[in-house]
Amino acid sequence: MKLLEYEAKTIFAAHGIPVPKGMVIRSATELAAHIPDLPPEFVLKAQVEVGGRGKAGGILMADQEDGKDRAAELFDRTIRGVTVREILVEERLAITHEYYASIAVNRSSKQALLLFTDSGGVDIETLAQERPDAIRRASIPLLLNRIPSFMVRDLLGSAPKELGAILQNLYRVFLVKDALLAEINPLVTTSTGVYAADAKLIIDDNALGRQGITQNRDLTEREREAEKHGFSYVELCGDIGVIGNGAGLTMATLDLIEYYGGHAANFLDVGGGADQERVMHAVRLVAADPTVRVIVVNLLGGITRCDDVARGIISAGISQPVIVRLAGTNEAEGQRLLAGSGYQMMGSMEQAVLAAVEAVR
């Protein structure tokens, strides 16, 4: 789950990473009451869980005279489709240099990947593409609770030595917060010290309970509903709903849809041993997506009984056509039930996918 900037900065500050003085407001009127306490110039930063916020107009410069109006302007904006509900008001720093530092999970090496460059800021992605050699890298086993000193020296190069303590503290945050990513961009130097001018922290969804987080804000309403039923569910951008049992079979169904020129609306794995009620909830969940025009149900009955699957599909009572491929335990009974209720049955996964792609055309 992605934390908002002010949430990440609160954690960073608690672990010894300096951050600019700031406050969070939820209305322009709230800012007006604090104007006398603010510095002559300050920054208004929309707190939205999207990337590229600065280039999308989510960061505004303001002063005591126009601060309220600028805040009202920002609250009226949507940043990459997200409504602005909170704004972080921060002192405006007199920056002398910008750096970039991040720590992420490298799934290939199963280690932490540390990145550092002397050229931080909004164009870090461009730098990574055009000058990859400008970004220094190091990998560290996650069993270590501290970055070895030689790695810190290699990463910093000619950068100020005091940034080494920031890297160590950032790594500590990465470990204790079960993070997938801990990033400071930019990490800035000023005449008064070093600051994390921005902060990004992504917590592993599997560790939210351990971190005291009760709700994953990154989930959509349908993803939350899927979580209640224990489904593995991901929303996609197509119009063909997909229900399978087993991640491999469901992924193969998605791949086949793309191969034949269609686009899947979701990934939904009902898991093994799905009964009638579980299948009913899965079908209704997928059908609730207004972009779904047809649903492919592709299940293999091992411990899952095909007749239970058929009853679940029928009891869902949805309006979209459902194209079904069932094979395995009680297969004949499942096919008989579906055929008697007018559902389209296919003998193979390929036939079912082709029928779905043709249906949306």
Protein backbone atom coordinates (compact mmCIF):
# COMPACT_ATOMS: atom_id res chain seq x y z
CA MET A 1 0.00 0.00 0.00
CA LYS A 2 1.29 3.46 -0.94
CA LEU A 3 1.47 5.96 1.89
CA LEU A 4 0.77 9.62 1.31
CA GLU A 5 3.76 11.96 1.38
CA TYR A 6 2.99 13.41 4.79
CA GLU A 7 2.51 9.92 6.25
CA ALA A 8 5.88 8.81 4.86
CA LYS A 9 7.56 11.97 6.13
CA THR A 10 6.20 11.41 9.62
CA ILE A 11 7.84 7.98 9.60
CA PHE A 12 11.07 9.33 8.12
CA ALA A 13 11.29 12.04 10.78
CA ALA A 14 10.77 9.47 13.52
CA HIS A 15 13.81 7.59 12.17
CA GLY A 16 16.14 10.55 12.06
CA ILE A 17 15.62 11.76 8.49
CA PRO A 18 15.12 15.56 8.50
CA VAL A 19 11.99 16.80 6.70
CA PRO A 20 10.74 20.37 6.06
CA LYS A 21 8.38 21.96 8.57
CA GLY A 22 4.81 21.45 7.45
CA MET A 23 1.17 20.85 8.22
CA VAL A 24 -1.75 19.10 6.54
CA ILE A 25 -4.94 20.98 5.66
CA ARG A 26 -8.26 19.72 4.37
CA SER A 27 -9.77 23.03 3.24
CA ALA A 28 -8.56 26.46 2.11
CA THR A 29 -10.32 28.00 5.10
CA GLU A 30 -8.20 25.87 7.41
CA LEU A 31 -5.07 27.33 5.82
CA ALA A 32 -6.31 30.91 6.30
CA ALA A 33 -6.32 30.44 10.07
CA HIS A 34 -2.62 29.49 10.01
CA ILE A 35 -1.34 32.12 7.56
CA PRO A 36 0.26 34.31 10.30
CA ASP A 37 2.31 31.32 11.50
CA LEU A 38 3.61 30.39 8.03
CA PRO A 39 6.87 31.64 6.47
CA PRO A 40 6.60 34.37 3.80
CA GLU A 41 6.80 31.73 1.02
CA PHE A 42 5.64 28.13 1.18
CA VAL A 43 4.67 25.15 -0.98
CA LEU A 44 1.23 23.55 -1.40
CA LYS A 45 1.49 19.83 -2.25
CA ALA A 46 -1.58 17.77 -3.16
CA GLN A 47 -1.66 14.51 -1.19
CA VAL A 48 -2.70 12.02 -3.87
CA GLU A 49 -1.57 8.46 -4.43
CA VAL A 50 -0.38 8.97 -8.01
CA GLY A 51 2.98 9.50 -9.64
CA GLY A 52 4.00 12.55 -11.64
CA ARG A 53 2.09 14.84 -9.31
CA GLY A 54 4.33 17.86 -9.91
CA LYS A 55 4.07 17.77 -13.69
CA ALA A 56 0.30 17.28 -13.41
CA GLY A 57 -0.17 20.52 -11.48
CA GLY A 58 -0.28 19.03 -8.00
CA ILE A 59 2.36 21.31 -6.49
CA LEU A 60 1.92 25.09 -6.24
CA MET A 61 4.10 27.85 -4.84
CA ALA A 62 2.35 30.35 -2.58
CA ASP A 63 2.93 33.20 -0.14
CA GLN A 64 1.01 34.74 2.73
CA GLU A 65 -0.98 37.02 0.44
CA ASP A 66 -2.24 34.48 -2.10
CA GLY A 67 -1.97 31.29 0.00
CA LYS A 68 -5.69 30.83 0.63
CA ASP A 69 -6.60 31.38 -3.03
CA ARG A 70 -3.88 29.04 -4.24
CA ALA A 71 -5.02 26.36 -1.80
CA ALA A 72 -8.63 26.75 -3.02
CA GLU A 73 -7.35 26.40 -6.59
CA LEU A 74 -5.52 23.18 -5.75
CA PHE A 75 -8.51 21.69 -3.90
CA ASP A 76 -10.58 22.26 -7.06
CA ARG A 77 -8.18 20.21 -9.19
CA THR A 78 -8.05 16.53 -9.99
CA ILE A 79 -4.54 15.14 -10.33
CA ARG A 80 -4.41 12.31 -12.87
CA GLY A 81 -8.06 11.57 -12.14
CA VAL A 82 -7.72 11.77 -8.32
CA THR A 83 -9.59 14.41 -6.33
CA VAL A 84 -7.46 16.51 -3.97
CA ARG A 85 -8.78 16.12 -0.42
CA GLU A 86 -5.62 16.91 1.57
CA ILE A 87 -2.77 19.35 1.01
CA LEU A 88 0.63 19.35 2.68
CA VAL A 89 1.75 22.93 3.39
CA GLU A 90 5.53 23.12 3.75
CA GLU A 91 8.21 25.72 4.14
CA ARG A 92 9.90 26.59 0.86
CA LEU A 93 13.50 25.42 0.98
CA ALA A 94 16.43 27.33 -0.50
CA ILE A 95 17.90 24.30 -2.27
CA THR A 96 21.57 24.20 -3.21
CA HIS A 97 21.62 20.68 -4.70
CA GLU A 98 19.20 17.80 -5.37
CA TYR A 99 20.03 14.11 -4.97
CA TYR A 100 18.01 10.92 -5.37
CA ALA A 101 18.02 7.93 -3.01
CA SER A 102 15.85 4.83 -2.95
CA ILE A 103 15.74 1.30 -1.58
CA ALA A 104 13.53 -1.34 -3.15
CA VAL A 105 13.02 -5.09 -3.15
CA ASN A 106 14.83 -6.78 -6.03
CA ARG A 107 12.71 -9.88 -6.57
CA SER A 108 15.24 -11.47 -8.92
CA SER A 109 18.15 -11.40 -6.47
CA LYS A 110 15.94 -11.48 -3.34
CA GLN A 111 17.94 -8.59 -1.96
CA ALA A 112 17.48 -4.89 -1.30
CA LEU A 113 18.47 -2.70 -4.25
CA LEU A 114 19.96 0.68 -3.30
CA LEU A 115 20.03 3.51 -5.85
CA PHE A 116 21.69 6.91 -5.54
CA THR A 117 22.44 9.72 -7.95
CA ASP A 118 23.70 13.29 -7.77
CA SER A 119 20.86 14.35 -10.11
CA GLY A 120 17.55 14.09 -8.28
CA GLY A 121 14.24 15.76 -9.09
CA VAL A 122 11.24 15.38 -11.35
CA ASP A 123 13.23 14.10 -14.34
CA ILE A 124 14.76 11.08 -12.62
CA GLU A 125 12.97 8.69 -15.02
CA THR A 126 14.49 10.51 -18.01
CA LEU A 127 17.92 10.33 -16.38
CA ALA A 128 17.53 6.58 -15.86
CA GLN A 129 16.77 6.09 -19.55
CA GLU A 130 19.27 8.50 -21.07
CA ARG A 131 22.16 8.25 -18.59
CA PRO A 132 21.82 4.98 -16.64
CA ASP A 133 25.50 5.17 -15.67
CA ALA A 134 24.68 8.30 -13.62
CA ILE A 135 22.75 6.15 -11.15
CA ARG A 136 24.92 4.18 -8.74
CA ARG A 137 23.60 0.82 -7.52
CA ALA A 138 24.28 -1.63 -4.73
CA SER A 139 22.59 -4.82 -3.54
CA ILE A 140 22.44 -5.88 0.09
CA PRO A 141 21.10 -9.10 1.69
CA LEU A 142 17.99 -8.33 3.71
CA LEU A 143 19.42 -10.21 6.68
CA LEU A 144 21.79 -7.28 7.27
CA ASN A 145 20.33 -4.57 9.50
CA ARG A 146 22.79 -1.93 8.30
CA ILE A 147 24.35 -0.91 5.00
CA PRO A 148 28.07 -1.77 5.03
CA SER A 149 30.21 1.37 5.16
CA PHE A 150 32.03 0.59 1.90
CA MET A 151 28.69 0.43 0.08
CA VAL A 152 27.70 3.84 1.45
CA ARG A 153 31.01 5.34 0.27
CA ASP A 154 30.61 3.81 -3.21
CA LEU A 155 27.05 5.04 -3.51
CA LEU A 156 27.78 8.60 -2.39
CA GLY A 157 30.87 9.12 -4.51
CA SER A 158 31.68 12.83 -4.20
CA ALA A 159 28.36 13.70 -2.50
CA PRO A 160 28.50 15.14 1.04
CA LYS A 161 29.37 12.54 3.67
CA GLU A 162 26.41 13.54 5.88
CA LEU A 163 24.13 11.92 3.32
CA GLY A 164 25.48 8.57 4.47
CA ALA A 165 23.48 8.81 7.71
CA ILE A 166 20.35 9.52 5.65
CA LEU A 167 20.93 6.36 3.61
CA GLN A 168 21.39 4.30 6.78
CA ASN A 169 18.20 5.69 8.30
CA LEU A 170 16.28 5.16 5.06
CA TYR A 171 17.40 1.52 5.05
CA ARG A 172 16.22 1.18 8.65
CA VAL A 173 12.78 2.51 7.66
CA PHE A 174 12.74 0.08 4.74
CA LEU A 175 13.32 -2.86 7.09
CA VAL A 176 11.13 -2.02 10.07
CA LYS A 177 8.17 -0.88 7.95
CA ASP A 178 8.14 -3.98 5.70
CA ALA A 179 8.54 -1.70 2.70
CA LEU A 180 8.71 -2.62 -0.96
CA LEU A 181 10.03 0.87 -1.72
CA ALA A 182 11.46 3.71 0.36
CA GLU A 183 12.40 6.71 -1.75
CA ILE A 184 13.55 10.31 -1.29
CA ASN A 185 13.32 12.41 -4.44
CA PRO A 186 14.69 14.91 -4.10
CA LEU A 187 17.04 14.59 -1.17
CA VAL A 188 18.25 18.17 -0.93
CA THR A 189 21.03 20.15 0.65
CA THR A 190 20.46 23.70 1.86
CA SER A 191 22.43 26.28 3.83
CA THR A 192 20.71 24.99 6.99
CA GLY A 193 21.09 21.25 6.44
CA VAL A 194 19.88 18.17 4.53
CA TYR A 195 16.17 17.42 4.01
CA ALA A 196 13.89 14.84 2.43
CA ALA A 197 11.98 17.31 0.26
CA ASP A 198 9.70 14.51 -0.90
CA ALA A 199 9.04 11.02 0.42
CA LYS A 200 7.58 7.81 -0.93
CA LEU A 201 6.92 4.67 1.07
CA ILE A 202 5.13 1.55 -0.20
CA ILE A 203 4.27 -1.09 2.42
CA ASP A 204 3.99 -4.78 1.53
CA ASP A 205 0.26 -5.63 1.47
CA ASN A 206 1.02 -8.88 3.29
CA ALA A 207 2.45 -6.92 6.25
CA LEU A 208 -0.33 -4.36 6.72
CA GLY A 209 -1.68 -6.09 9.83
CA ARG A 210 1.76 -6.20 11.41
CA GLN A 211 2.14 -2.49 10.67
CA GLY A 212 -1.17 -1.69 12.35
CA ILE A 213 -2.92 -0.78 9.07
CA THR A 214 -6.49 -2.07 9.01
CA GLN A 215 -7.48 -1.14 5.45
CA ASN A 216 -5.56 -1.22 2.19
CA ARG A 217 -6.39 2.11 0.56
CA ASP A 218 -4.97 1.00 -2.78
CA LEU A 219 -7.83 -1.44 -3.35
CA THR A 220 -10.91 -0.56 -5.38
CA GLU A 221 -14.36 -1.39 -4.01
CA ARG A 222 -14.51 -4.59 -6.07
CA GLU A 223 -11.02 -5.56 -4.93
CA ARG A 224 -12.11 -5.07 -1.31
CA GLU A 225 -15.18 -7.23 -1.95
CA ALA A 226 -12.96 -9.89 -3.51
CA GLU A 227 -10.70 -9.79 -0.46
CA LYS A 228 -13.69 -10.51 1.81
CA HIS A 229 -14.34 -13.74 -0.10
CA GLY A 230 -10.67 -14.70 -0.31
CA PHE A 231 -10.45 -14.36 -4.10
CA SER A 232 -7.22 -13.48 -5.87
CA TYR A 233 -8.55 -10.58 -7.92
CA VAL A 234 -7.00 -7.82 -10.02
CA GLU A 235 -8.87 -5.25 -12.09
CA LEU A 236 -7.67 -4.76 -15.67
CA CYS A 237 -8.77 -2.55 -18.54
CA GLY A 238 -10.68 -4.84 -20.92
CA ASP A 239 -14.27 -5.99 -21.41
CA ILE A 240 -14.03 -9.78 -21.03
CA GLY A 241 -14.50 -11.01 -17.47
CA VAL A 242 -12.36 -13.98 -16.43
CA ILE A 243 -12.95 -16.55 -13.69
CA GLY A 244 -10.64 -19.52 -13.22
CA ASN A 245 -9.38 -21.82 -10.50
CA GLY A 246 -5.64 -21.75 -10.01
CA ALA A 247 -3.35 -18.84 -10.85
CA GLY A 248 -1.72 -20.66 -13.76
CA LEU A 249 -4.98 -21.57 -15.47
CA THR A 250 -6.40 -18.09 -14.97
CA MET A 251 -3.23 -16.45 -16.33
CA ALA A 252 -3.28 -18.79 -19.33
CA THR A 253 -6.86 -17.68 -20.00
CA LEU A 254 -5.81 -14.02 -19.93
CA ASP A 255 -2.89 -14.73 -22.27
CA LEU A 256 -5.16 -16.52 -24.73
CA ILE A 257 -7.64 -13.63 -24.71
CA GLU A 258 -4.83 -11.22 -25.66
CA TYR A 259 -3.52 -13.66 -28.27
CA TYR A 260 -6.88 -13.66 -30.06
CA GLY A 261 -7.19 -9.88 -29.94
CA GLY A 262 -9.42 -9.48 -26.90
CA HIS A 263 -8.82 -7.68 -23.62
CA ALA A 264 -9.47 -9.11 -20.16
CA ALA A 265 -11.36 -6.98 -17.64
CA ASN A 266 -9.95 -8.78 -14.63
CA PHE A 267 -8.06 -11.69 -13.13
CA LEU A 268 -10.12 -13.74 -10.67
CA ASP A 269 -8.91 -17.01 -9.18
CA VAL A 270 -11.61 -18.61 -7.02
CA GLY A 271 -9.11 -21.10 -5.62
CA GLY A 272 -9.42 -24.84 -5.14
CA GLY A 273 -12.53 -26.52 -3.81
CA ALA A 274 -14.87 -23.65 -4.72
CA ASP A 275 -18.46 -24.48 -3.79
CA GLN A 276 -21.74 -23.17 -5.21
CA GLU A 277 -21.88 -20.05 -3.03
CA ARG A 278 -18.26 -19.12 -3.70
CA VAL A 279 -18.72 -19.40 -7.46
CA MET A 280 -21.94 -17.36 -7.26
CA HIS A 281 -20.12 -14.52 -5.47
CA ALA A 282 -17.29 -14.65 -8.02
CA VAL A 283 -19.66 -14.39 -11.00
CA ARG A 284 -21.62 -11.54 -9.42
CA LEU A 285 -18.42 -9.68 -8.54
CA VAL A 286 -17.11 -9.82 -12.11
CA ALA A 287 -20.54 -8.95 -13.56
CA ALA A 288 -20.72 -5.85 -11.30
CA ASP A 289 -17.97 -4.24 -13.38
CA PRO A 290 -19.88 -2.07 -15.90
CA THR A 291 -17.16 -2.59 -18.53
CA VAL A 292 -17.68 -6.38 -18.60
CA ARG A 293 -19.69 -7.48 -21.65
CA VAL A 294 -19.10 -11.24 -21.47
CA ILE A 295 -17.63 -13.61 -18.88
CA VAL A 296 -15.40 -16.64 -19.45
CA VAL A 297 -15.52 -19.28 -16.70
CA ASN A 298 -12.63 -21.72 -17.13
CA LEU A 299 -12.44 -24.30 -14.34
CA LEU A 300 -10.89 -27.72 -13.89
CA GLY A 301 -12.66 -29.91 -11.37
CA GLY A 302 -10.31 -31.79 -9.11
CA ILE A 303 -11.41 -31.12 -5.55
CA THR A 304 -13.77 -28.61 -7.17
CA ARG A 305 -17.02 -30.25 -8.31
CA CYS A 306 -18.27 -29.14 -11.70
CA ASP A 307 -21.94 -29.52 -10.70
CA ASP A 308 -21.39 -27.09 -7.79
CA VAL A 309 -19.73 -24.67 -10.20
CA ALA A 310 -22.71 -24.92 -12.56
CA ARG A 311 -25.20 -24.26 -9.76
CA GLY A 312 -23.15 -21.25 -8.65
CA ILE A 313 -23.17 -19.77 -12.17
CA ILE A 314 -26.90 -20.28 -12.53
CA SER A 315 -27.75 -18.87 -9.08
CA ALA A 316 -25.70 -15.72 -9.81
CA GLY A 317 -28.50 -14.61 -12.15
CA ILE A 318 -26.48 -12.01 -14.07
CA SER A 319 -27.38 -10.27 -17.32
CA GLN A 320 -24.09 -10.73 -19.24
CA PRO A 321 -23.55 -13.88 -21.30
CA VAL A 322 -21.37 -16.50 -19.59
CA ILE A 323 -19.25 -18.85 -21.70
CA VAL A 324 -18.18 -21.91 -19.74
CA ARG A 325 -15.49 -24.54 -20.02
CA LEU A 326 -15.73 -27.21 -17.31
CA ALA A 327 -13.71 -30.39 -17.03
CA GLY A 328 -13.21 -32.87 -14.21
CA THR A 329 -15.23 -34.16 -11.27
CA ASN A 330 -18.99 -34.41 -12.03
CA GLU A 331 -18.31 -32.78 -15.39
CA ALA A 332 -21.31 -34.36 -17.16
CA GLU A 333 -23.75 -33.22 -14.46
CA GLY A 334 -22.34 -29.70 -14.53
CA GLN A 335 -22.68 -29.51 -18.30
CA ARG A 336 -26.25 -30.86 -18.12
CA LEU A 337 -27.27 -28.20 -15.60
CA LEU A 338 -25.76 -25.37 -17.61
CA ALA A 339 -27.13 -26.58 -20.93
CA GLY A 340 -30.59 -26.82 -19.39
CA SER A 341 -30.35 -23.18 -18.33
CA GLY A 342 -29.21 -21.93 -21.73
CA TYR A 343 -25.52 -21.32 -21.01
CA GLN A 344 -22.95 -21.63 -23.78
CA MET A 345 -20.66 -24.60 -23.15
CA MET A 346 -17.28 -25.17 -24.80
CA GLY A 347 -15.09 -28.24 -24.88
CA SER A 348 -11.76 -26.44 -24.53
CA MET A 349 -10.26 -23.26 -23.14
CA GLU A 350 -9.36 -22.10 -26.65
CA GLN A 351 -12.93 -22.49 -27.88
CA ALA A 352 -14.30 -20.61 -24.87
CA VAL A 353 -11.89 -17.71 -25.35
CA LEU A 354 -12.56 -17.48 -29.08
CA ALA A 355 -16.31 -17.40 -28.43
CA ALA A 356 -15.86 -14.58 -25.87
CA VAL A 357 -13.69 -12.51 -28.19
CA GLU A 358 -16.22 -12.93 -31.00
CA ALA A 359 -19.06 -12.00 -28.65
CA VAL A 360 -17.55 -8.60 -27.79
CA ARG A 361 -16.82 -7.89 -31.45
